[in-house]
Amino acid sequence: MAKTTAKTGARTAGLSVFDGIMMLVGIVVGIGIFKTPTLVAANADSGATFIGLWVLGGFIALVGALCYAELGSSHPNSGGGYHFLSKAYGEKLGILFGWARCTIVQPGAIAAVAFVYGEYISEVINLGRYSFAIHGAVAVAILTWINLMGLREASWTQNLFASLAITALVLVVLAAFYVGPQPAAATVAKAPAAPFAAAGFARVFILLTFGGWNESSYLSGELRDVKRSMAPTLIWSILIITALYVLVNLGYLWSFGLQGMRESKAIGADLMRAAVGSGGAIVLSLMITATALSTLNATIFTGARGYQALGQDLPWLGYLSEWKGDKPANALLTQSAIAL
């Protein structure tokens, strides 16, 4: 729960370590874990290699997180990566990065996640020809409004959605061990022709699935007692995400085997179908909507901080730098408009 205690410039930082962890877990855990295991399995020569690659992905993410923990605790700022680049390489490069992030990267990411949410919620509530876009736009508008209400409301919402996302992955693990080995699991897996190169290719998909932890840099200006809380926030986030990913992939491997995973077009859907029958598609859709909303809310939260920081350095965008209480209201509205 957010609570105003620690000073950060003219404002007060209000996120606890728990809030920060839920923010980062919510950003990272997304639709990828329901799809990329199939691609990783296709490039792994054994089950042990398959699981080992996911553990390695978590280790690489942890190394990066430790670097960000040092930067964030030493130079806390809501501008995150934009602030770090400006200090290291000068204002021009920082502004170039900030401009790209605010015009393309962040609103594009918000729109993409919102569209994924719209796609899957439409399996449950279809609004016709433009159902995907309507659902996505409504989600962006509502979550932006919640963030405009204040830091406490945004963090509470994130804690709820991240808890649902974690619960969804736990249910995947339980479903895998409930259905047990499927017939395809007994099929002998054929190793890739060039296993070392294939493993390198697999790591690309794994690191994409771990992507998003770098958004932690935008929390450095929001965490209470950031010098002490930044490292625990990042370390626990990566450890939780890695544990969830490894358990989910162990479940997939147990149920389908390596070859069965390779042959699956949608491993998550296949697992849910085996667990609950024809209603599996609906169950999976609800799981993915939970993870999508968690990612969407956290991305809106961190993204607006980048707009606010850019507005501080560009006079003609000065309106973005204004804080209204504990939230950058103009930045949130601008980000939402571009994403929509």
C-alpha atoms as a PDB file:
ATOM      1  CA  MET A   1       0.000   0.000   0.000  1.00  0.00           C
ATOM      2  CA  ALA A   2       1.295   3.411  -0.875  1.00  0.00           C
ATOM      3  CA  LYS A   3       2.010   5.801   1.935  1.00  0.00           C
ATOM      4  CA  THR A   4       3.589   9.244   1.802  1.00  0.00           C
ATOM      5  CA  THR A   5       6.739   9.274   3.893  1.00  0.00           C
ATOM      6  CA  ALA A   6      10.052   9.871   2.143  1.00  0.00           C
ATOM      7  CA  LYS A   7      11.018  13.113   0.452  1.00  0.00           C
ATOM      8  CA  THR A   8      11.923  13.179  -3.227  1.00  0.00           C
ATOM      9  CA  GLY A   9      12.591  16.721  -4.284  1.00  0.00           C
ATOM     10  CA  ALA A  10       9.457  18.823  -3.855  1.00  0.00           C
ATOM     11  CA  ARG A  11       7.268  15.737  -3.656  1.00  0.00           C
ATOM     12  CA  THR A  12       7.129  12.709  -1.421  1.00  0.00           C
ATOM     13  CA  ALA A  13       7.834   9.156  -2.546  1.00  0.00           C
ATOM     14  CA  GLY A  14       5.045   6.771  -1.679  1.00  0.00           C
ATOM     15  CA  LEU A  15       5.692   3.247  -3.008  1.00  0.00           C
ATOM     16  CA  SER A  16       6.747   0.481  -0.645  1.00  0.00           C
ATOM     17  CA  VAL A  17       9.015  -2.417  -1.635  1.00  0.00           C
ATOM     18  CA  PHE A  18       5.908  -4.585  -2.026  1.00  0.00           C
ATOM     19  CA  ASP A  19       4.283  -1.995  -4.324  1.00  0.00           C
ATOM     20  CA  GLY A  20       7.452  -1.863  -6.419  1.00  0.00           C
ATOM     21  CA  ILE A  21       7.649  -5.647  -6.683  1.00  0.00           C
ATOM     22  CA  MET A  22       4.035  -5.896  -7.801  1.00  0.00           C
ATOM     23  CA  MET A  23       4.636  -3.113 -10.334  1.00  0.00           C
ATOM     24  CA  LEU A  24       7.606  -4.925 -11.896  1.00  0.00           C
ATOM     25  CA  VAL A  25       6.081  -8.409 -11.763  1.00  0.00           C
ATOM     26  CA  GLY A  26       3.003  -6.946 -13.434  1.00  0.00           C
ATOM     27  CA  ILE A  27       5.058  -5.379 -16.219  1.00  0.00           C
ATOM     28  CA  VAL A  28       7.163  -8.465 -16.979  1.00  0.00           C
ATOM     29  CA  VAL A  29       4.628 -11.286 -16.643  1.00  0.00           C
ATOM     30  CA  GLY A  30       2.551 -11.137 -19.793  1.00  0.00           C
ATOM     31  CA  ILE A  31       1.281 -13.128 -22.730  1.00  0.00           C
ATOM     32  CA  GLY A  32       4.796 -14.296 -23.649  1.00  0.00           C
ATOM     33  CA  ILE A  33       4.849 -17.116 -21.108  1.00  0.00           C
ATOM     34  CA  PHE A  34       1.797 -18.626 -22.830  1.00  0.00           C
ATOM     35  CA  LYS A  35       3.484 -18.649 -26.257  1.00  0.00           C
ATOM     36  CA  THR A  36       7.296 -18.468 -26.212  1.00  0.00           C
ATOM     37  CA  PRO A  37       7.924 -21.831 -24.459  1.00  0.00           C
ATOM     38  CA  THR A  38       6.997 -23.527 -27.737  1.00  0.00           C
ATOM     39  CA  LEU A  39       9.667 -21.534 -29.587  1.00  0.00           C
ATOM     40  CA  VAL A  40      12.248 -22.215 -26.878  1.00  0.00           C
ATOM     41  CA  ALA A  41      11.461 -25.955 -26.923  1.00  0.00           C
ATOM     42  CA  ALA A  42      12.032 -26.012 -30.683  1.00  0.00           C
ATOM     43  CA  ASN A  43      15.591 -24.812 -30.074  1.00  0.00           C
ATOM     44  CA  ALA A  44      16.497 -26.944 -27.042  1.00  0.00           C
ATOM     45  CA  ASP A  45      18.082 -30.388 -27.393  1.00  0.00           C
ATOM     46  CA  SER A  46      16.761 -31.782 -24.093  1.00  0.00           C
ATOM     47  CA  GLY A  47      14.393 -31.044 -21.236  1.00  0.00           C
ATOM     48  CA  ALA A  48      17.306 -30.143 -18.977  1.00  0.00           C
ATOM     49  CA  THR A  49      18.603 -27.653 -21.541  1.00  0.00           C
ATOM     50  CA  PHE A  50      15.097 -26.216 -21.935  1.00  0.00           C
ATOM     51  CA  ILE A  51      14.737 -25.513 -18.204  1.00  0.00           C
ATOM     52  CA  GLY A  52      18.367 -24.423 -17.918  1.00  0.00           C
ATOM     53  CA  LEU A  53      17.827 -21.757 -20.569  1.00  0.00           C
ATOM     54  CA  TRP A  54      14.967 -20.257 -18.548  1.00  0.00           C
ATOM     55  CA  VAL A  55      17.108 -20.227 -15.410  1.00  0.00           C
ATOM     56  CA  LEU A  56      19.881 -18.547 -17.397  1.00  0.00           C
ATOM     57  CA  GLY A  57      17.419 -15.959 -18.657  1.00  0.00           C
ATOM     58  CA  GLY A  58      16.493 -15.148 -15.079  1.00  0.00           C
ATOM     59  CA  PHE A  59      20.160 -14.844 -14.132  1.00  0.00           C
ATOM     60  CA  ILE A  60      20.851 -12.429 -17.002  1.00  0.00           C
ATOM     61  CA  ALA A  61      17.832 -10.340 -15.992  1.00  0.00           C
ATOM     62  CA  LEU A  62      19.094 -10.347 -12.390  1.00  0.00           C
ATOM     63  CA  VAL A  63      22.515  -9.032 -13.457  1.00  0.00           C
ATOM     64  CA  GLY A  64      20.850  -6.209 -15.355  1.00  0.00           C
ATOM     65  CA  ALA A  65      18.536  -5.521 -12.417  1.00  0.00           C
ATOM     66  CA  LEU A  66      21.501  -5.194 -10.050  1.00  0.00           C
ATOM     67  CA  CYS A  67      23.012  -2.564 -12.349  1.00  0.00           C
ATOM     68  CA  TYR A  68      19.723  -0.655 -12.343  1.00  0.00           C
ATOM     69  CA  ALA A  69      19.501  -1.014  -8.574  1.00  0.00           C
ATOM     70  CA  GLU A  70      22.867   0.740  -8.262  1.00  0.00           C
ATOM     71  CA  LEU A  71      21.828   3.500 -10.673  1.00  0.00           C
ATOM     72  CA  GLY A  72      18.414   3.963  -9.111  1.00  0.00           C
ATOM     73  CA  SER A  73      19.651   4.109  -5.527  1.00  0.00           C
ATOM     74  CA  SER A  74      22.549   6.433  -6.405  1.00  0.00           C
ATOM     75  CA  HIS A  75      20.599   8.760  -8.730  1.00  0.00           C
ATOM     76  CA  PRO A  76      16.898   8.428  -7.823  1.00  0.00           C
ATOM     77  CA  ASN A  77      14.700  10.199 -10.341  1.00  0.00           C
ATOM     78  CA  SER A  78      11.282   9.541 -11.864  1.00  0.00           C
ATOM     79  CA  GLY A  79      12.893  10.113 -15.268  1.00  0.00           C
ATOM     80  CA  GLY A  80      14.604   6.728 -14.990  1.00  0.00           C
ATOM     81  CA  GLY A  81      16.598   5.734 -18.056  1.00  0.00           C
ATOM     82  CA  TYR A  82      16.164   9.189 -19.576  1.00  0.00           C
ATOM     83  CA  HIS A  83      17.742  10.754 -16.486  1.00  0.00           C
ATOM     84  CA  PHE A  84      20.605   8.214 -16.392  1.00  0.00           C
ATOM     85  CA  LEU A  85      21.474   8.710 -20.080  1.00  0.00           C
ATOM     86  CA  SER A  86      21.376  12.499 -19.741  1.00  0.00           C
ATOM     87  CA  LYS A  87      23.813  12.389 -16.819  1.00  0.00           C
ATOM     88  CA  ALA A  88      26.138   9.883 -18.494  1.00  0.00           C
ATOM     89  CA  TYR A  89      26.208  11.085 -22.116  1.00  0.00           C
ATOM     90  CA  GLY A  90      24.734  14.559 -22.111  1.00  0.00           C
ATOM     91  CA  GLU A  91      21.367  16.200 -22.503  1.00  0.00           C
ATOM     92  CA  LYS A  92      21.122  15.815 -26.299  1.00  0.00           C
ATOM     93  CA  LEU A  93      21.315  12.013 -26.251  1.00  0.00           C
ATOM     94  CA  GLY A  94      18.996  11.895 -23.253  1.00  0.00           C
ATOM     95  CA  ILE A  95      16.391  14.032 -25.027  1.00  0.00           C
ATOM     96  CA  LEU A  96      16.679  11.869 -28.169  1.00  0.00           C
ATOM     97  CA  PHE A  97      15.947   8.783 -26.052  1.00  0.00           C
ATOM     98  CA  GLY A  98      13.152  10.535 -24.159  1.00  0.00           C
ATOM     99  CA  TRP A  99      11.542  11.801 -27.354  1.00  0.00           C
ATOM    100  CA  ALA A 100      11.590   8.330 -28.943  1.00  0.00           C
ATOM    101  CA  ARG A 101      10.182   6.791 -25.781  1.00  0.00           C
ATOM    102  CA  CYS A 102       7.374   9.308 -25.423  1.00  0.00           C
ATOM    103  CA  THR A 103       6.291   9.451 -29.072  1.00  0.00           C
ATOM    104  CA  ILE A 104       6.700   5.816 -30.146  1.00  0.00           C
ATOM    105  CA  VAL A 105       8.006   3.312 -27.619  1.00  0.00           C
ATOM    106  CA  GLN A 106       5.775   3.827 -24.588  1.00  0.00           C
ATOM    107  CA  PRO A 107       2.446   4.701 -26.239  1.00  0.00           C
ATOM    108  CA  GLY A 108       3.120   1.936 -28.773  1.00  0.00           C
ATOM    109  CA  ALA A 109       3.666  -0.574 -25.971  1.00  0.00           C
ATOM    110  CA  ILE A 110       0.495   0.594 -24.214  1.00  0.00           C
ATOM    111  CA  ALA A 111      -1.512   0.281 -27.438  1.00  0.00           C
ATOM    112  CA  ALA A 112      -0.101  -3.176 -28.189  1.00  0.00           C
ATOM    113  CA  VAL A 113      -0.873  -4.540 -24.717  1.00  0.00           C
ATOM    114  CA  ALA A 114      -4.324  -2.945 -24.797  1.00  0.00           C
ATOM    115  CA  PHE A 115      -5.015  -4.616 -28.141  1.00  0.00           C
ATOM    116  CA  VAL A 116      -3.937  -8.004 -26.741  1.00  0.00           C
ATOM    117  CA  TYR A 117      -6.303  -7.432 -23.817  1.00  0.00           C
ATOM    118  CA  GLY A 118      -9.067  -6.514 -26.277  1.00  0.00           C
ATOM    119  CA  GLU A 119      -8.420  -9.632 -28.337  1.00  0.00           C
ATOM    120  CA  TYR A 120      -8.757 -12.003 -25.403  1.00  0.00           C
ATOM    121  CA  ILE A 121     -11.584 -10.284 -23.513  1.00  0.00           C
ATOM    122  CA  SER A 122     -13.530 -10.357 -26.777  1.00  0.00           C
ATOM    123  CA  GLU A 123     -13.572 -14.141 -26.427  1.00  0.00           C
ATOM    124  CA  VAL A 124     -15.786 -13.548 -23.393  1.00  0.00           C
ATOM    125  CA  ILE A 125     -17.580 -10.283 -24.298  1.00  0.00           C
ATOM    126  CA  ASN A 126     -17.650  -9.635 -28.032  1.00  0.00           C
ATOM    127  CA  LEU A 127     -18.639  -6.114 -29.068  1.00  0.00           C
ATOM    128  CA  GLY A 128     -18.744  -6.747 -32.793  1.00  0.00           C
ATOM    129  CA  ARG A 129     -16.431  -5.814 -35.644  1.00  0.00           C
ATOM    130  CA  TYR A 130     -14.276  -3.400 -33.630  1.00  0.00           C
ATOM    131  CA  SER A 131     -14.419  -5.311 -30.351  1.00  0.00           C
ATOM    132  CA  PHE A 132     -10.627  -5.570 -29.926  1.00  0.00           C
ATOM    133  CA  ALA A 133     -10.091  -1.835 -30.333  1.00  0.00           C
ATOM    134  CA  ILE A 134     -13.087  -0.813 -28.226  1.00  0.00           C
ATOM    135  CA  HIS A 135     -12.072  -3.008 -25.301  1.00  0.00           C
ATOM    136  CA  GLY A 136      -8.477  -1.826 -25.563  1.00  0.00           C
ATOM    137  CA  ALA A 137      -9.399   1.856 -25.694  1.00  0.00           C
ATOM    138  CA  VAL A 138     -11.747   1.537 -22.727  1.00  0.00           C
ATOM    139  CA  ALA A 139      -9.021  -0.202 -20.715  1.00  0.00           C
ATOM    140  CA  VAL A 140      -6.496   2.563 -21.472  1.00  0.00           C
ATOM    141  CA  ALA A 141      -9.018   5.261 -20.541  1.00  0.00           C
ATOM    142  CA  ILE A 142     -10.103   3.628 -17.273  1.00  0.00           C
ATOM    143  CA  LEU A 143      -6.576   2.809 -16.095  1.00  0.00           C
ATOM    144  CA  THR A 144      -5.391   6.324 -16.955  1.00  0.00           C
ATOM    145  CA  TRP A 145      -8.298   7.691 -14.906  1.00  0.00           C
ATOM    146  CA  ILE A 146      -7.303   5.491 -11.955  1.00  0.00           C
ATOM    147  CA  ASN A 147      -3.718   6.767 -12.176  1.00  0.00           C
ATOM    148  CA  LEU A 148      -5.087  10.322 -12.267  1.00  0.00           C
ATOM    149  CA  MET A 149      -6.845   9.648  -8.975  1.00  0.00           C
ATOM    150  CA  GLY A 150      -3.506   9.340  -7.235  1.00  0.00           C
ATOM    151  CA  LEU A 151      -0.511   7.189  -6.360  1.00  0.00           C
ATOM    152  CA  ARG A 152      -2.389   5.175  -3.761  1.00  0.00           C
ATOM    153  CA  GLU A 153      -5.184   4.222  -6.156  1.00  0.00           C
ATOM    154  CA  ALA A 154      -2.709   3.328  -8.919  1.00  0.00           C
ATOM    155  CA  SER A 155      -0.625   1.142  -6.597  1.00  0.00           C
ATOM    156  CA  TRP A 156      -3.665  -0.612  -5.115  1.00  0.00           C
ATOM    157  CA  THR A 157      -4.950  -1.350  -8.604  1.00  0.00           C
ATOM    158  CA  GLN A 158      -1.563  -2.688  -9.607  1.00  0.00           C
ATOM    159  CA  ASN A 159      -1.356  -4.901  -6.533  1.00  0.00           C
ATOM    160  CA  LEU A 160      -4.737  -6.403  -7.447  1.00  0.00           C
ATOM    161  CA  PHE A 161      -3.937  -7.052 -11.110  1.00  0.00           C
ATOM    162  CA  ALA A 162      -0.433  -8.372 -10.386  1.00  0.00           C
ATOM    163  CA  SER A 163      -1.902 -10.749  -7.794  1.00  0.00           C
ATOM    164  CA  LEU A 164      -4.343 -12.003 -10.429  1.00  0.00           C
ATOM    165  CA  ALA A 165      -1.485 -12.473 -12.925  1.00  0.00           C
ATOM    166  CA  ILE A 166       0.536 -14.459 -10.387  1.00  0.00           C
ATOM    167  CA  THR A 167      -2.545 -16.526  -9.544  1.00  0.00           C
ATOM    168  CA  ALA A 168      -3.034 -17.230 -13.257  1.00  0.00           C
ATOM    169  CA  LEU A 169       0.473 -18.673 -13.559  1.00  0.00           C
ATOM    170  CA  VAL A 170       0.039 -20.724 -10.393  1.00  0.00           C
ATOM    171  CA  LEU A 171      -3.168 -22.143 -11.892  1.00  0.00           C
ATOM    172  CA  VAL A 172      -1.243 -23.062 -15.060  1.00  0.00           C
ATOM    173  CA  VAL A 173       1.266 -24.998 -12.939  1.00  0.00           C
ATOM    174  CA  LEU A 174      -1.510 -26.774 -11.015  1.00  0.00           C
ATOM    175  CA  ALA A 175      -3.348 -27.573 -14.252  1.00  0.00           C
ATOM    176  CA  ALA A 176      -0.213 -29.102 -15.762  1.00  0.00           C
ATOM    177  CA  PHE A 177       0.341 -31.465 -12.873  1.00  0.00           C
ATOM    178  CA  TYR A 178      -3.398 -32.193 -12.682  1.00  0.00           C
ATOM    179  CA  VAL A 179      -3.693 -33.386 -16.286  1.00  0.00           C
ATOM    180  CA  GLY A 180      -0.409 -35.304 -16.099  1.00  0.00           C
ATOM    181  CA  PRO A 181       1.638 -36.504 -19.102  1.00  0.00           C
ATOM    182  CA  GLN A 182      -0.249 -36.323 -22.381  1.00  0.00           C
ATOM    183  CA  PRO A 183       0.320 -38.868 -25.212  1.00  0.00           C
ATOM    184  CA  ALA A 184       2.690 -36.517 -27.043  1.00  0.00           C
ATOM    185  CA  ALA A 185       4.939 -36.445 -23.970  1.00  0.00           C
ATOM    186  CA  ALA A 186       6.144 -39.955 -24.757  1.00  0.00           C
ATOM    187  CA  THR A 187       7.367 -38.973 -28.220  1.00  0.00           C
ATOM    188  CA  VAL A 188      11.146 -38.913 -28.584  1.00  0.00           C
ATOM    189  CA  ALA A 189      12.372 -35.345 -29.096  1.00  0.00           C
ATOM    190  CA  LYS A 190      14.603 -34.640 -32.078  1.00  0.00           C
ATOM    191  CA  ALA A 191      17.587 -32.445 -31.208  1.00  0.00           C
ATOM    192  CA  PRO A 192      18.298 -29.297 -33.246  1.00  0.00           C
ATOM    193  CA  ALA A 193      20.965 -29.686 -35.924  1.00  0.00           C
ATOM    194  CA  ALA A 194      23.156 -26.984 -34.328  1.00  0.00           C
ATOM    195  CA  PRO A 195      22.299 -27.122 -30.612  1.00  0.00           C
ATOM    196  CA  PHE A 196      24.651 -24.337 -29.487  1.00  0.00           C
ATOM    197  CA  ALA A 197      23.366 -21.870 -32.080  1.00  0.00           C
ATOM    198  CA  ALA A 198      19.788 -22.963 -31.415  1.00  0.00           C
ATOM    199  CA  ALA A 199      20.213 -22.341 -27.687  1.00  0.00           C
ATOM    200  CA  GLY A 200      21.433 -18.832 -28.465  1.00  0.00           C
ATOM    201  CA  PHE A 201      18.379 -18.260 -30.623  1.00  0.00           C
ATOM    202  CA  ALA A 202      16.127 -19.580 -27.841  1.00  0.00           C
ATOM    203  CA  ARG A 203      17.609 -17.065 -25.413  1.00  0.00           C
ATOM    204  CA  VAL A 204      16.282 -14.246 -27.605  1.00  0.00           C
ATOM    205  CA  PHE A 205      12.697 -15.373 -26.937  1.00  0.00           C
ATOM    206  CA  ILE A 206      13.424 -15.948 -23.251  1.00  0.00           C
ATOM    207  CA  LEU A 207      14.878 -12.468 -22.764  1.00  0.00           C
ATOM    208  CA  LEU A 208      11.866 -11.000 -24.549  1.00  0.00           C
ATOM    209  CA  THR A 209       9.642 -12.858 -22.088  1.00  0.00           C
ATOM    210  CA  PHE A 210      11.686 -11.378 -19.226  1.00  0.00           C
ATOM    211  CA  GLY A 211      11.512  -7.945 -20.842  1.00  0.00           C
ATOM    212  CA  GLY A 212      10.216  -4.977 -18.891  1.00  0.00           C
ATOM    213  CA  TRP A 213      12.230  -5.171 -15.662  1.00  0.00           C
ATOM    214  CA  ASN A 214      14.183  -2.116 -16.871  1.00  0.00           C
ATOM    215  CA  GLU A 215      11.033  -0.064 -16.192  1.00  0.00           C
ATOM    216  CA  SER A 216      12.218  -0.228 -12.582  1.00  0.00           C
ATOM    217  CA  SER A 217      14.350   2.825 -13.298  1.00  0.00           C
ATOM    218  CA  TYR A 218      11.179   4.936 -13.443  1.00  0.00           C
ATOM    219  CA  LEU A 219      10.266   3.793  -9.939  1.00  0.00           C
ATOM    220  CA  SER A 220      13.440   5.177  -8.382  1.00  0.00           C
ATOM    221  CA  GLY A 221      11.767   8.529  -7.757  1.00  0.00           C
ATOM    222  CA  GLU A 222       8.655   6.893  -6.305  1.00  0.00           C
ATOM    223  CA  LEU A 223      10.071   4.367  -3.814  1.00  0.00           C
ATOM    224  CA  ARG A 224      10.252   5.225  -0.133  1.00  0.00           C
ATOM    225  CA  ASP A 225      13.815   5.174   1.245  1.00  0.00           C
ATOM    226  CA  VAL A 226      15.071   4.389  -2.256  1.00  0.00           C
ATOM    227  CA  LYS A 227      18.693   3.752  -1.220  1.00  0.00           C
ATOM    228  CA  ARG A 228      17.525   0.794   0.838  1.00  0.00           C
ATOM    229  CA  SER A 229      14.456  -0.284  -1.108  1.00  0.00           C
ATOM    230  CA  MET A 230      15.666  -0.217  -4.733  1.00  0.00           C
ATOM    231  CA  ALA A 231      17.830  -3.359  -4.577  1.00  0.00           C
ATOM    232  CA  PRO A 232      15.303  -5.530  -2.680  1.00  0.00           C
ATOM    233  CA  THR A 233      12.553  -4.422  -5.059  1.00  0.00           C
ATOM    234  CA  LEU A 234      14.504  -5.491  -8.128  1.00  0.00           C
ATOM    235  CA  ILE A 235      16.043  -8.656  -6.698  1.00  0.00           C
ATOM    236  CA  TRP A 236      12.791 -10.035  -5.307  1.00  0.00           C
ATOM    237  CA  SER A 237      10.948  -9.128  -8.524  1.00  0.00           C
ATOM    238  CA  ILE A 238      13.372 -11.064 -10.719  1.00  0.00           C
ATOM    239  CA  LEU A 239      13.495 -14.039  -8.334  1.00  0.00           C
ATOM    240  CA  ILE A 240       9.682 -14.258  -8.213  1.00  0.00           C
ATOM    241  CA  ILE A 241       9.365 -13.954 -11.994  1.00  0.00           C
ATOM    242  CA  THR A 242      12.089 -16.554 -12.597  1.00  0.00           C
ATOM    243  CA  ALA A 243      10.495 -18.979 -10.140  1.00  0.00           C
ATOM    244  CA  LEU A 244       7.087 -18.563 -11.806  1.00  0.00           C
ATOM    245  CA  TYR A 245       8.511 -19.023 -15.300  1.00  0.00           C
ATOM    246  CA  VAL A 246      10.532 -22.096 -14.360  1.00  0.00           C
ATOM    247  CA  LEU A 247       7.543 -23.721 -12.616  1.00  0.00           C
ATOM    248  CA  VAL A 248       5.233 -23.001 -15.566  1.00  0.00           C
ATOM    249  CA  ASN A 249       7.735 -24.480 -18.010  1.00  0.00           C
ATOM    250  CA  LEU A 250       8.265 -27.528 -15.804  1.00  0.00           C
ATOM    251  CA  GLY A 251       4.497 -27.975 -15.955  1.00  0.00           C
ATOM    252  CA  TYR A 252       4.451 -27.705 -19.737  1.00  0.00           C
ATOM    253  CA  LEU A 253       7.350 -30.144 -19.979  1.00  0.00           C
ATOM    254  CA  TRP A 254       5.697 -32.626 -17.604  1.00  0.00           C
ATOM    255  CA  SER A 255       2.420 -32.598 -19.522  1.00  0.00           C
ATOM    256  CA  PHE A 256       3.578 -32.468 -23.137  1.00  0.00           C
ATOM    257  CA  GLY A 257       7.233 -33.394 -23.213  1.00  0.00           C
ATOM    258  CA  LEU A 258       9.728 -31.482 -25.322  1.00  0.00           C
ATOM    259  CA  GLN A 259       8.461 -32.816 -28.638  1.00  0.00           C
ATOM    260  CA  GLY A 260       4.841 -32.215 -27.692  1.00  0.00           C
ATOM    261  CA  MET A 261       5.694 -28.612 -26.865  1.00  0.00           C
ATOM    262  CA  ARG A 262       7.405 -28.203 -30.229  1.00  0.00           C
ATOM    263  CA  GLU A 263       4.333 -29.460 -32.046  1.00  0.00           C
ATOM    264  CA  SER A 264       1.883 -27.276 -30.117  1.00  0.00           C
ATOM    265  CA  LYS A 265       0.639 -24.113 -31.797  1.00  0.00           C
ATOM    266  CA  ALA A 266      -0.620 -22.615 -28.517  1.00  0.00           C
ATOM    267  CA  ILE A 267       0.782 -24.449 -25.519  1.00  0.00           C
ATOM    268  CA  GLY A 268      -1.242 -22.493 -22.957  1.00  0.00           C
ATOM    269  CA  ALA A 269      -4.521 -23.149 -24.764  1.00  0.00           C
ATOM    270  CA  ASP A 270      -3.676 -26.840 -25.223  1.00  0.00           C
ATOM    271  CA  LEU A 271      -2.980 -27.205 -21.509  1.00  0.00           C
ATOM    272  CA  MET A 272      -6.188 -25.479 -20.428  1.00  0.00           C
ATOM    273  CA  ARG A 273      -8.185 -27.545 -22.904  1.00  0.00           C
ATOM    274  CA  ALA A 274      -6.724 -30.717 -21.437  1.00  0.00           C
ATOM    275  CA  ALA A 275      -7.498 -29.502 -17.910  1.00  0.00           C
ATOM    276  CA  VAL A 276     -11.059 -28.192 -18.264  1.00  0.00           C
ATOM    277  CA  GLY A 277     -12.218 -29.375 -21.683  1.00  0.00           C
ATOM    278  CA  SER A 278     -13.946 -27.118 -24.196  1.00  0.00           C
ATOM    279  CA  GLY A 279     -14.045 -24.253 -21.700  1.00  0.00           C
ATOM    280  CA  GLY A 280     -10.249 -24.101 -21.729  1.00  0.00           C
ATOM    281  CA  ALA A 281     -10.183 -21.270 -24.253  1.00  0.00           C
ATOM    282  CA  ILE A 282     -12.353 -19.100 -22.008  1.00  0.00           C
ATOM    283  CA  VAL A 283     -10.223 -19.890 -18.947  1.00  0.00           C
ATOM    284  CA  LEU A 284      -7.044 -19.013 -20.841  1.00  0.00           C
ATOM    285  CA  SER A 285      -8.610 -15.795 -22.139  1.00  0.00           C
ATOM    286  CA  LEU A 286      -9.425 -14.706 -18.585  1.00  0.00           C
ATOM    287  CA  MET A 287      -5.875 -15.523 -17.461  1.00  0.00           C
ATOM    288  CA  ILE A 288      -4.356 -13.491 -20.260  1.00  0.00           C
ATOM    289  CA  THR A 289      -6.692 -10.543 -19.650  1.00  0.00           C
ATOM    290  CA  ALA A 290      -5.508 -10.472 -16.024  1.00  0.00           C
ATOM    291  CA  THR A 291      -1.836 -10.418 -17.054  1.00  0.00           C
ATOM    292  CA  ALA A 292      -2.528  -7.857 -19.796  1.00  0.00           C
ATOM    293  CA  LEU A 293      -4.301  -5.468 -17.406  1.00  0.00           C
ATOM    294  CA  SER A 294      -1.446  -5.806 -14.917  1.00  0.00           C
ATOM    295  CA  THR A 295       1.109  -4.961 -17.606  1.00  0.00           C
ATOM    296  CA  LEU A 296      -1.053  -2.150 -18.960  1.00  0.00           C
ATOM    297  CA  ASN A 297      -1.549  -0.374 -15.642  1.00  0.00           C
ATOM    298  CA  ALA A 298       2.132  -0.591 -14.705  1.00  0.00           C
ATOM    299  CA  THR A 299       3.226   0.605 -18.156  1.00  0.00           C
ATOM    300  CA  ILE A 300       0.885   3.598 -17.932  1.00  0.00           C
ATOM    301  CA  PHE A 301       2.292   4.389 -14.472  1.00  0.00           C
ATOM    302  CA  THR A 302       5.992   4.233 -15.401  1.00  0.00           C
ATOM    303  CA  GLY A 303       5.515   5.737 -18.849  1.00  0.00           C
ATOM    304  CA  ALA A 304       3.991   8.958 -17.548  1.00  0.00           C
ATOM    305  CA  ARG A 305       7.091   9.552 -15.398  1.00  0.00           C
ATOM    306  CA  GLY A 306       9.202   9.659 -18.562  1.00  0.00           C
ATOM    307  CA  TYR A 307       6.946  12.314 -20.078  1.00  0.00           C
ATOM    308  CA  GLN A 308       7.181  14.376 -16.895  1.00  0.00           C
ATOM    309  CA  ALA A 309      10.990  14.240 -16.918  1.00  0.00           C
ATOM    310  CA  LEU A 310      11.173  15.228 -20.594  1.00  0.00           C
ATOM    311  CA  GLY A 311       8.884  18.181 -19.898  1.00  0.00           C
ATOM    312  CA  GLN A 312      11.327  19.451 -17.276  1.00  0.00           C
ATOM    313  CA  ASP A 313      14.098  19.819 -19.873  1.00  0.00           C
ATOM    314  CA  LEU A 314      12.138  21.054 -22.900  1.00  0.00           C
ATOM    315  CA  PRO A 315      10.495  24.435 -22.172  1.00  0.00           C
ATOM    316  CA  TRP A 316       7.908  24.036 -24.937  1.00  0.00           C
ATOM    317  CA  LEU A 317       6.767  20.817 -23.248  1.00  0.00           C
ATOM    318  CA  GLY A 318       6.850  22.354 -19.792  1.00  0.00           C
ATOM    319  CA  TYR A 319       3.201  21.541 -19.152  1.00  0.00           C
ATOM    320  CA  LEU A 320       4.204  17.851 -18.969  1.00  0.00           C
ATOM    321  CA  SER A 321       6.446  18.512 -15.984  1.00  0.00           C
ATOM    322  CA  GLU A 322       3.651  19.648 -13.696  1.00  0.00           C
ATOM    323  CA  TRP A 323       2.739  17.472 -10.730  1.00  0.00           C
ATOM    324  CA  LYS A 324      -0.780  17.605  -9.345  1.00  0.00           C
ATOM    325  CA  GLY A 325      -0.399  16.146  -5.909  1.00  0.00           C
ATOM    326  CA  ASP A 326       1.403  12.830  -6.278  1.00  0.00           C
ATOM    327  CA  LYS A 327       0.778  12.234  -9.985  1.00  0.00           C
ATOM    328  CA  PRO A 328       1.960  13.836 -13.257  1.00  0.00           C
ATOM    329  CA  ALA A 329      -1.565  14.512 -14.512  1.00  0.00           C
ATOM    330  CA  ASN A 330      -0.706  16.271 -17.794  1.00  0.00           C
ATOM    331  CA  ALA A 331       1.822  13.570 -18.646  1.00  0.00           C
ATOM    332  CA  LEU A 332      -0.758  10.843 -18.018  1.00  0.00           C
ATOM    333  CA  LEU A 333      -3.340  12.571 -20.231  1.00  0.00           C
ATOM    334  CA  THR A 334      -0.849  13.180 -23.049  1.00  0.00           C
ATOM    335  CA  GLN A 335       0.420   9.613 -22.945  1.00  0.00           C
ATOM    336  CA  SER A 336      -3.137   8.293 -23.030  1.00  0.00           C
ATOM    337  CA  ALA A 337      -4.047  10.497 -26.004  1.00  0.00           C
ATOM    338  CA  ILE A 338      -1.059   9.291 -28.056  1.00  0.00           C
ATOM    339  CA  ALA A 339      -1.672   5.636 -27.137  1.00  0.00           C
ATOM    340  CA  LEU A 340      -5.346   5.900 -28.122  1.00  0.00           C
END
